[in-house]
């Protein structure tokens, strides 16, 4: 039987963030948690986690870095002075 909910620790491991980050996302409304009815702990729906990971993966695949409009990067050569 597949789990419908995971703990904050399990969700953090799946997403690769810390539990504190998930708490902050919940507080700010970026990624809301569901409260367990018995102990009021934060739990996350596995369906919501799957949607978020799919969204992150698809946005990462479509990301193309912007070209810098400024001058080319110049590598500085450092010379050490001998006494």
PDB file of N, CA and C in Angstrom:
ATOM      1  N   UNK A   1       0.839  -1.184   0.000  1.00  0.00           N
ATOM      2  CA  UNK A   1       0.000   0.000   0.000  1.00  0.00           C
ATOM      3  C   UNK A   1       0.883   1.246   0.000  1.00  0.00           C
ATOM      4  N   UNK A   2       0.624   2.146  -0.911  1.00  0.00           N
ATOM      5  CA  UNK A   2       1.401   3.358  -1.039  1.00  0.00           C
ATOM      6  C   UNK A   2       1.002   4.372   0.028  1.00  0.00           C
ATOM      7  N   UNK A   3       2.023   5.052   0.592  1.00  0.00           N
ATOM      8  CA  UNK A   3       1.746   6.067   1.604  1.00  0.00           C
ATOM      9  C   UNK A   3       1.117   7.295   0.951  1.00  0.00           C
ATOM     10  N   UNK A   4       0.118   7.869   1.608  1.00  0.00           N
ATOM     11  CA  UNK A   4      -0.521   9.073   1.101  1.00  0.00           C
ATOM     12  C   UNK A   4       0.123  10.333   1.677  1.00  0.00           C
ATOM     13  N   UNK A   5       0.752  10.187   2.845  1.00  0.00           N
ATOM     14  CA  UNK A   5       1.388  11.323   3.505  1.00  0.00           C
ATOM     15  C   UNK A   5       2.787  10.934   3.965  1.00  0.00           C
ATOM     16  N   UNK A   6       3.685  11.915   4.024  1.00  0.00           N
ATOM     17  CA  UNK A   6       5.027  11.696   4.555  1.00  0.00           C
ATOM     18  C   UNK A   6       5.318  12.774   5.591  1.00  0.00           C
ATOM     19  N   UNK A   7       6.259  12.464   6.467  1.00  0.00           N
ATOM     20  CA  UNK A   7       6.647  13.420   7.503  1.00  0.00           C
ATOM     21  C   UNK A   7       7.465  14.546   6.887  1.00  0.00           C
ATOM     22  N   UNK A   8       7.692  15.579   7.672  1.00  0.00           N
ATOM     23  CA  UNK A   8       8.473  16.712   7.193  1.00  0.00           C
ATOM     24  C   UNK A   8       9.909  16.288   6.883  1.00  0.00           C
ATOM     25  N   UNK A   9      10.447  15.368   7.668  1.00  0.00           N
ATOM     26  CA  UNK A   9      11.804  14.871   7.438  1.00  0.00           C
ATOM     27  C   UNK A   9      11.878  14.116   6.109  1.00  0.00           C
ATOM     28  N   UNK A  10      10.906  13.244   5.859  1.00  0.00           N
ATOM     29  CA  UNK A  10      10.877  12.491   4.609  1.00  0.00           C
ATOM     30  C   UNK A  10      10.690  13.418   3.406  1.00  0.00           C
ATOM     31  N   UNK A  11       9.818  14.407   3.544  1.00  0.00           N
ATOM     32  CA  UNK A  11       9.592  15.366   2.461  1.00  0.00           C
ATOM     33  C   UNK A  11      10.859  16.171   2.179  1.00  0.00           C
ATOM     34  N   UNK A  12      11.556  16.565   3.234  1.00  0.00           N
ATOM     35  CA  UNK A  12      12.802  17.320   3.066  1.00  0.00           C
ATOM     36  C   UNK A  12      13.842  16.483   2.330  1.00  0.00           C
ATOM     37  N   UNK A  13      13.938  15.211   2.661  1.00  0.00           N
ATOM     38  CA  UNK A  13      14.887  14.316   1.984  1.00  0.00           C
ATOM     39  C   UNK A  13      14.524  14.151   0.505  1.00  0.00           C
ATOM     40  N   UNK A  14      13.257  14.036   0.209  1.00  0.00           N
ATOM     41  CA  UNK A  14      12.804  13.874  -1.175  1.00  0.00           C
ATOM     42  C   UNK A  14      13.141  15.119  -2.000  1.00  0.00           C
ATOM     43  N   UNK A  15      12.920  16.298  -1.412  1.00  0.00           N
ATOM     44  CA  UNK A  15      13.131  17.543  -2.148  1.00  0.00           C
ATOM     45  C   UNK A  15      14.575  18.046  -2.095  1.00  0.00           C
ATOM     46  N   UNK A  16      15.360  17.491  -1.182  1.00  0.00           N
ATOM     47  CA  UNK A  16      16.743  17.927  -1.066  1.00  0.00           C
ATOM     48  C   UNK A  16      16.900  19.260  -0.364  1.00  0.00           C
ATOM     49  N   UNK A  17      15.989  19.547   0.554  1.00  0.00           N
ATOM     50  CA  UNK A  17      16.055  20.774   1.349  1.00  0.00           C
ATOM     51  C   UNK A  17      15.991  20.389   2.820  1.00  0.00           C
ATOM     52  N   UNK A  18      16.134  21.359   3.686  1.00  0.00           N
ATOM     53  CA  UNK A  18      16.063  21.078   5.116  1.00  0.00           C
ATOM     54  C   UNK A  18      14.610  21.166   5.596  1.00  0.00           C
ATOM     55  N   UNK A  19      14.314  20.523   6.728  1.00  0.00           N
ATOM     56  CA  UNK A  19      12.974  20.663   7.297  1.00  0.00           C
ATOM     57  C   UNK A  19      12.632  22.125   7.624  1.00  0.00           C
ATOM     58  N   UNK A  20      13.636  22.899   8.004  1.00  0.00           N
ATOM     59  CA  UNK A  20      13.399  24.323   8.295  1.00  0.00           C
ATOM     60  C   UNK A  20      12.936  25.055   7.036  1.00  0.00           C
ATOM     61  N   UNK A  21      13.498  24.703   5.898  1.00  0.00           N
ATOM     62  CA  UNK A  21      13.059  25.308   4.636  1.00  0.00           C
ATOM     63  C   UNK A  21      11.600  24.986   4.378  1.00  0.00           C
ATOM     64  N   UNK A  22      11.209  23.735   4.613  1.00  0.00           N
ATOM     65  CA  UNK A  22       9.796  23.371   4.423  1.00  0.00           C
ATOM     66  C   UNK A  22       8.890  24.123   5.390  1.00  0.00           C
ATOM     67  N   UNK A  23       9.346  24.312   6.615  1.00  0.00           N
ATOM     68  CA  UNK A  23       8.546  25.092   7.571  1.00  0.00           C
ATOM     69  C   UNK A  23       8.372  26.530   7.080  1.00  0.00           C
ATOM     70  N   UNK A  24       9.452  27.100   6.543  1.00  0.00           N
ATOM     71  CA  UNK A  24       9.379  28.471   6.024  1.00  0.00           C
ATOM     72  C   UNK A  24       8.461  28.550   4.810  1.00  0.00           C
ATOM     73  N   UNK A  25       8.540  27.555   3.919  1.00  0.00           N
ATOM     74  CA  UNK A  25       7.655  27.532   2.764  1.00  0.00           C
ATOM     75  C   UNK A  25       6.199  27.405   3.195  1.00  0.00           C
ATOM     76  N   UNK A  26       5.940  26.610   4.226  1.00  0.00           N
ATOM     77  CA  UNK A  26       4.577  26.452   4.734  1.00  0.00           C
ATOM     78  C   UNK A  26       4.080  27.774   5.310  1.00  0.00           C
ATOM     79  N   UNK A  27       4.927  28.413   6.085  1.00  0.00           N
ATOM     80  CA  UNK A  27       4.549  29.675   6.736  1.00  0.00           C
ATOM     81  C   UNK A  27       4.277  30.770   5.707  1.00  0.00           C
ATOM     82  N   UNK A  28       5.087  30.801   4.632  1.00  0.00           N
ATOM     83  CA  UNK A  28       4.925  31.843   3.616  1.00  0.00           C
ATOM     84  C   UNK A  28       3.871  31.485   2.569  1.00  0.00           C
ATOM     85  N   UNK A  29       3.416  30.234   2.569  1.00  0.00           N
ATOM     86  CA  UNK A  29       2.392  29.811   1.615  1.00  0.00           C
ATOM     87  C   UNK A  29       2.953  29.271   0.312  1.00  0.00           C
ATOM     88  N   UNK A  30       4.279  29.139   0.184  1.00  0.00           N
ATOM     89  CA  UNK A  30       4.882  28.641  -1.052  1.00  0.00           C
ATOM     90  C   UNK A  30       4.577  27.165  -1.276  1.00  0.00           C
ATOM     91  N   UNK A  31       4.615  26.378  -0.204  1.00  0.00           N
ATOM     92  CA  UNK A  31       4.324  24.944  -0.283  1.00  0.00           C
ATOM     93  C   UNK A  31       3.687  24.540   1.044  1.00  0.00           C
ATOM     94  N   UNK A  32       2.367  24.471   1.041  1.00  0.00           N
ATOM     95  CA  UNK A  32       1.619  24.259   2.273  1.00  0.00           C
ATOM     96  C   UNK A  32       1.649  22.801   2.729  1.00  0.00           C
ATOM     97  N   UNK A  33       1.730  22.643   4.024  1.00  0.00           N
ATOM     98  CA  UNK A  33       1.653  21.327   4.655  1.00  0.00           C
ATOM     99  C   UNK A  33       0.230  21.095   5.140  1.00  0.00           C
ATOM    100  N   UNK A  34      -0.059  19.832   5.403  1.00  0.00           N
ATOM    101  CA  UNK A  34      -1.328  19.440   6.014  1.00  0.00           C
ATOM    102  C   UNK A  34      -1.004  19.077   7.450  1.00  0.00           C
ATOM    103  N   UNK A  35      -1.888  19.374   8.371  1.00  0.00           N
ATOM    104  CA  UNK A  35      -1.648  19.051   9.776  1.00  0.00           C
ATOM    105  C   UNK A  35      -2.255  17.703  10.118  1.00  0.00           C
ATOM    106  N   UNK A  36      -1.467  16.888  10.821  1.00  0.00           N
ATOM    107  CA  UNK A  36      -1.948  15.581  11.282  1.00  0.00           C
ATOM    108  C   UNK A  36      -3.039  15.825  12.321  1.00  0.00           C
ATOM    109  N   UNK A  37      -4.179  15.162  12.225  1.00  0.00           N
ATOM    110  CA  UNK A  37      -5.299  15.443  13.135  1.00  0.00           C
ATOM    111  C   UNK A  37      -5.041  15.060  14.594  1.00  0.00           C
ATOM    112  N   UNK A  38      -4.158  14.102  14.841  1.00  0.00           N
ATOM    113  CA  UNK A  38      -3.926  13.660  16.223  1.00  0.00           C
ATOM    114  C   UNK A  38      -2.862  14.490  16.939  1.00  0.00           C
ATOM    115  N   UNK A  39      -1.762  14.814  16.242  1.00  0.00           N
ATOM    116  CA  UNK A  39      -0.664  15.486  16.934  1.00  0.00           C
ATOM    117  C   UNK A  39      -0.331  16.868  16.375  1.00  0.00           C
ATOM    118  N   UNK A  40      -1.029  17.286  15.327  1.00  0.00           N
ATOM    119  CA  UNK A  40      -0.864  18.586  14.703  1.00  0.00           C
ATOM    120  C   UNK A  40       0.506  18.781  14.040  1.00  0.00           C
ATOM    121  N   UNK A  41       1.239  17.697  13.800  1.00  0.00           N
ATOM    122  CA  UNK A  41       2.518  17.793  13.095  1.00  0.00           C
ATOM    123  C   UNK A  41       2.263  18.093  11.624  1.00  0.00           C
ATOM    124  N   UNK A  42       3.245  18.702  10.970  1.00  0.00           N
ATOM    125  CA  UNK A  42       3.151  18.921   9.541  1.00  0.00           C
ATOM    126  C   UNK A  42       3.388  17.598   8.808  1.00  0.00           C
ATOM    127  N   UNK A  43       2.539  17.302   7.858  1.00  0.00           N
ATOM    128  CA  UNK A  43       2.735  16.166   6.957  1.00  0.00           C
ATOM    129  C   UNK A  43       2.473  16.668   5.547  1.00  0.00           C
ATOM    130  N   UNK A  44       3.031  15.962   4.576  1.00  0.00           N
ATOM    131  CA  UNK A  44       2.919  16.388   3.190  1.00  0.00           C
ATOM    132  C   UNK A  44       2.314  15.270   2.349  1.00  0.00           C
ATOM    133  N   UNK A  45       1.405  15.642   1.465  1.00  0.00           N
ATOM    134  CA  UNK A  45       0.781  14.676   0.566  1.00  0.00           C
ATOM    135  C   UNK A  45       1.805  14.237  -0.467  1.00  0.00           C
ATOM    136  N   UNK A  46       1.883  12.941  -0.693  1.00  0.00           N
ATOM    137  CA  UNK A  46       2.826  12.429  -1.682  1.00  0.00           C
ATOM    138  C   UNK A  46       2.467  12.933  -3.086  1.00  0.00           C
ATOM    139  N   UNK A  47       1.184  13.137  -3.350  1.00  0.00           N
ATOM    140  CA  UNK A  47       0.766  13.686  -4.639  1.00  0.00           C
ATOM    141  C   UNK A  47       1.315  15.098  -4.843  1.00  0.00           C
ATOM    142  N   UNK A  48       1.257  15.920  -3.779  1.00  0.00           N
ATOM    143  CA  UNK A  48       1.781  17.286  -3.859  1.00  0.00           C
ATOM    144  C   UNK A  48       3.295  17.282  -4.070  1.00  0.00           C
ATOM    145  N   UNK A  49       3.993  16.363  -3.398  1.00  0.00           N
ATOM    146  CA  UNK A  49       5.441  16.259  -3.571  1.00  0.00           C
ATOM    147  C   UNK A  49       5.780  15.846  -5.004  1.00  0.00           C
ATOM    148  N   UNK A  50       5.017  14.918  -5.557  1.00  0.00           N
ATOM    149  CA  UNK A  50       5.260  14.463  -6.930  1.00  0.00           C
ATOM    150  C   UNK A  50       5.048  15.609  -7.914  1.00  0.00           C
ATOM    151  N   UNK A  51       3.995  16.399  -7.702  1.00  0.00           N
ATOM    152  CA  UNK A  51       3.724  17.539  -8.581  1.00  0.00           C
ATOM    153  C   UNK A  51       4.862  18.559  -8.504  1.00  0.00           C
ATOM    154  N   UNK A  52       5.340  18.826  -7.298  1.00  0.00           N
ATOM    155  CA  UNK A  52       6.413  19.802  -7.126  1.00  0.00           C
ATOM    156  C   UNK A  52       7.709  19.322  -7.769  1.00  0.00           C
ATOM    157  N   UNK A  53       8.061  18.064  -7.556  1.00  0.00           N
ATOM    158  CA  UNK A  53       9.296  17.548  -8.148  1.00  0.00           C
ATOM    159  C   UNK A  53       9.196  17.522  -9.669  1.00  0.00           C
ATOM    160  N   UNK A  54       8.036  17.164 -10.216  1.00  0.00           N
ATOM    161  CA  UNK A  54       7.851  17.192 -11.670  1.00  0.00           C
ATOM    162  C   UNK A  54       7.988  18.612 -12.208  1.00  0.00           C
ATOM    163  N   UNK A  55       7.409  19.559 -11.494  1.00  0.00           N
ATOM    164  CA  UNK A  55       7.492  20.957 -11.903  1.00  0.00           C
ATOM    165  C   UNK A  55       8.931  21.458 -11.870  1.00  0.00           C
ATOM    166  N   UNK A  56       9.657  21.111 -10.815  1.00  0.00           N
ATOM    167  CA  UNK A  56      11.051  21.527 -10.704  1.00  0.00           C
ATOM    168  C   UNK A  56      11.910  20.898 -11.787  1.00  0.00           C
ATOM    169  N   UNK A  57      11.682  19.631 -12.079  1.00  0.00           N
ATOM    170  CA  UNK A  57      12.455  18.945 -13.116  1.00  0.00           C
ATOM    171  C   UNK A  57      12.187  19.529 -14.492  1.00  0.00           C
ATOM    172  N   UNK A  58      10.929  19.822 -14.781  1.00  0.00           N
ATOM    173  CA  UNK A  58      10.610  20.370 -16.100  1.00  0.00           C
ATOM    174  C   UNK A  58      11.142  21.789 -16.252  1.00  0.00           C
ATOM    175  N   UNK A  59      11.116  22.575 -15.184  1.00  0.00           N
ATOM    176  CA  UNK A  59      11.654  23.935 -15.280  1.00  0.00           C
ATOM    177  C   UNK A  59      13.173  23.911 -15.371  1.00  0.00           C
ATOM    178  N   UNK A  60      13.816  22.932 -14.737  1.00  0.00           N
ATOM    179  CA  UNK A  60      15.273  22.815 -14.832  1.00  0.00           C
ATOM    180  C   UNK A  60      15.685  22.399 -16.236  1.00  0.00           C
ATOM    181  N   UNK A  61      14.893  21.563 -16.890  1.00  0.00           N
ATOM    182  CA  UNK A  61      15.223  21.127 -18.242  1.00  0.00           C
ATOM    183  C   UNK A  61      15.038  22.244 -19.257  1.00  0.00           C
ATOM    184  N   UNK A  62      14.089  23.128 -19.015  1.00  0.00           N
ATOM    185  CA  UNK A  62      13.826  24.199 -19.975  1.00  0.00           C
ATOM    186  C   UNK A  62      14.643  25.454 -19.680  1.00  0.00           C
ATOM    187  N   UNK A  63      15.440  25.446 -18.638  1.00  0.00           N
ATOM    188  CA  UNK A  63      16.239  26.613 -18.256  1.00  0.00           C
ATOM    189  C   UNK A  63      17.422  26.785 -19.202  1.00  0.00           C
ATOM    190  N   UNK A  64      17.564  27.969 -19.743  1.00  0.00           N
ATOM    191  CA  UNK A  64      18.750  28.300 -20.532  1.00  0.00           C
ATOM    192  C   UNK A  64      19.363  29.552 -19.935  1.00  0.00           C
ATOM    193  N   UNK A  65      20.631  29.481 -19.547  1.00  0.00           N
ATOM    194  CA  UNK A  65      21.250  30.643 -18.931  1.00  0.00           C
ATOM    195  C   UNK A  65      21.332  31.810 -19.910  1.00  0.00           C
ATOM    196  N   UNK A  66      21.176  33.008 -19.375  1.00  0.00           N
ATOM    197  CA  UNK A  66      21.270  34.207 -20.190  1.00  0.00           C
ATOM    198  C   UNK A  66      22.734  34.508 -20.482  1.00  0.00           C
ATOM    199  N   UNK A  67      22.961  34.991 -21.684  1.00  0.00           N
ATOM    200  CA  UNK A  67      24.314  35.398 -22.041  1.00  0.00           C
ATOM    201  C   UNK A  67      24.596  36.745 -21.409  1.00  0.00           C
ATOM    202  N   UNK A  68      25.801  36.881 -20.936  1.00  0.00           N
ATOM    203  CA  UNK A  68      26.190  38.152 -20.347  1.00  0.00           C
ATOM    204  C   UNK A  68      26.350  39.180 -21.454  1.00  0.00           C
ATOM    205  N   UNK A  69      25.848  40.364 -21.212  1.00  0.00           N
ATOM    206  CA  UNK A  69      25.954  41.411 -22.212  1.00  0.00           C
ATOM    207  C   UNK A  69      27.253  42.204 -22.057  1.00  0.00           C
ATOM    208  N   UNK A  70      27.919  42.007 -20.953  1.00  0.00           N
ATOM    209  CA  UNK A  70      29.149  42.745 -20.686  1.00  0.00           C
ATOM    210  C   UNK A  70      30.350  42.135 -21.371  1.00  0.00           C
ATOM    211  N   UNK A  71      31.526  42.650 -21.050  1.00  0.00           N
ATOM    212  CA  UNK A  71      32.754  42.140 -21.671  1.00  0.00           C
ATOM    213  C   UNK A  71      33.051  40.715 -21.231  1.00  0.00           C
ATOM    214  N   UNK A  72      33.872  40.051 -22.009  1.00  0.00           N
ATOM    215  CA  UNK A  72      34.295  38.694 -21.695  1.00  0.00           C
ATOM    216  C   UNK A  72      35.033  38.664 -20.363  1.00  0.00           C
ATOM    217  N   UNK A  73      34.966  37.530 -19.687  1.00  0.00           N
ATOM    218  CA  UNK A  73      35.694  37.368 -18.444  1.00  0.00           C
ATOM    219  C   UNK A  73      37.186  37.304 -18.746  1.00  0.00           C
ATOM    220  N   UNK A  74      37.946  38.048 -17.973  1.00  0.00           N
ATOM    221  CA  UNK A  74      39.384  38.087 -18.172  1.00  0.00           C
ATOM    222  C   UNK A  74      40.038  37.401 -16.987  1.00  0.00           C
ATOM    223  N   UNK A  75      40.928  36.474 -17.277  1.00  0.00           N
ATOM    224  CA  UNK A  75      41.647  35.779 -16.223  1.00  0.00           C
ATOM    225  C   UNK A  75      42.872  36.603 -15.847  1.00  0.00           C
ATOM    226  N   UNK A  76      42.992  36.930 -14.576  1.00  0.00           N
ATOM    227  CA  UNK A  76      44.135  37.696 -14.091  1.00  0.00           C
ATOM    228  C   UNK A  76      45.289  36.759 -13.796  1.00  0.00           C
ATOM    229  N   UNK A  77      46.460  37.193 -14.166  1.00  0.00           N
ATOM    230  CA  UNK A  77      47.650  36.402 -13.897  1.00  0.00           C
ATOM    231  C   UNK A  77      48.359  37.026 -12.703  1.00  0.00           C
ATOM    232  N   UNK A  78      48.609  36.219 -11.689  1.00  0.00           N
ATOM    233  CA  UNK A  78      49.236  36.712 -10.463  1.00  0.00           C
ATOM    234  C   UNK A  78      50.690  36.271 -10.459  1.00  0.00           C
ATOM    235  N   UNK A  79      51.563  37.230 -10.257  1.00  0.00           N
ATOM    236  CA  UNK A  79      52.987  36.930 -10.171  1.00  0.00           C
ATOM    237  C   UNK A  79      53.426  37.158  -8.744  1.00  0.00           C
ATOM    238  N   UNK A  80      54.159  36.215  -8.215  1.00  0.00           N
ATOM    239  CA  UNK A  80      54.674  36.339  -6.864  1.00  0.00           C
ATOM    240  C   UNK A  80      56.060  36.955  -6.927  1.00  0.00           C
ATOM    241  N   UNK A  81      56.293  37.896  -6.025  1.00  0.00           N
ATOM    242  CA  UNK A  81      57.596  38.566  -5.980  1.00  0.00           C
ATOM    243  C   UNK A  81      58.524  37.788  -5.062  1.00  0.00           C
ATOM    244  N   UNK A  82      59.708  37.557  -5.546  1.00  0.00           N
ATOM    245  CA  UNK A  82      60.719  36.913  -4.717  1.00  0.00           C
ATOM    246  C   UNK A  82      61.512  37.973  -3.946  1.00  0.00           C
ATOM    247  N   UNK A  83      61.962  37.642  -2.732  1.00  0.00           N
ATOM    248  CA  UNK A  83      62.733  38.607  -1.942  1.00  0.00           C
ATOM    249  C   UNK A  83      64.084  38.829  -2.509  1.00  0.00           C
TER     250      UNK A  83
END
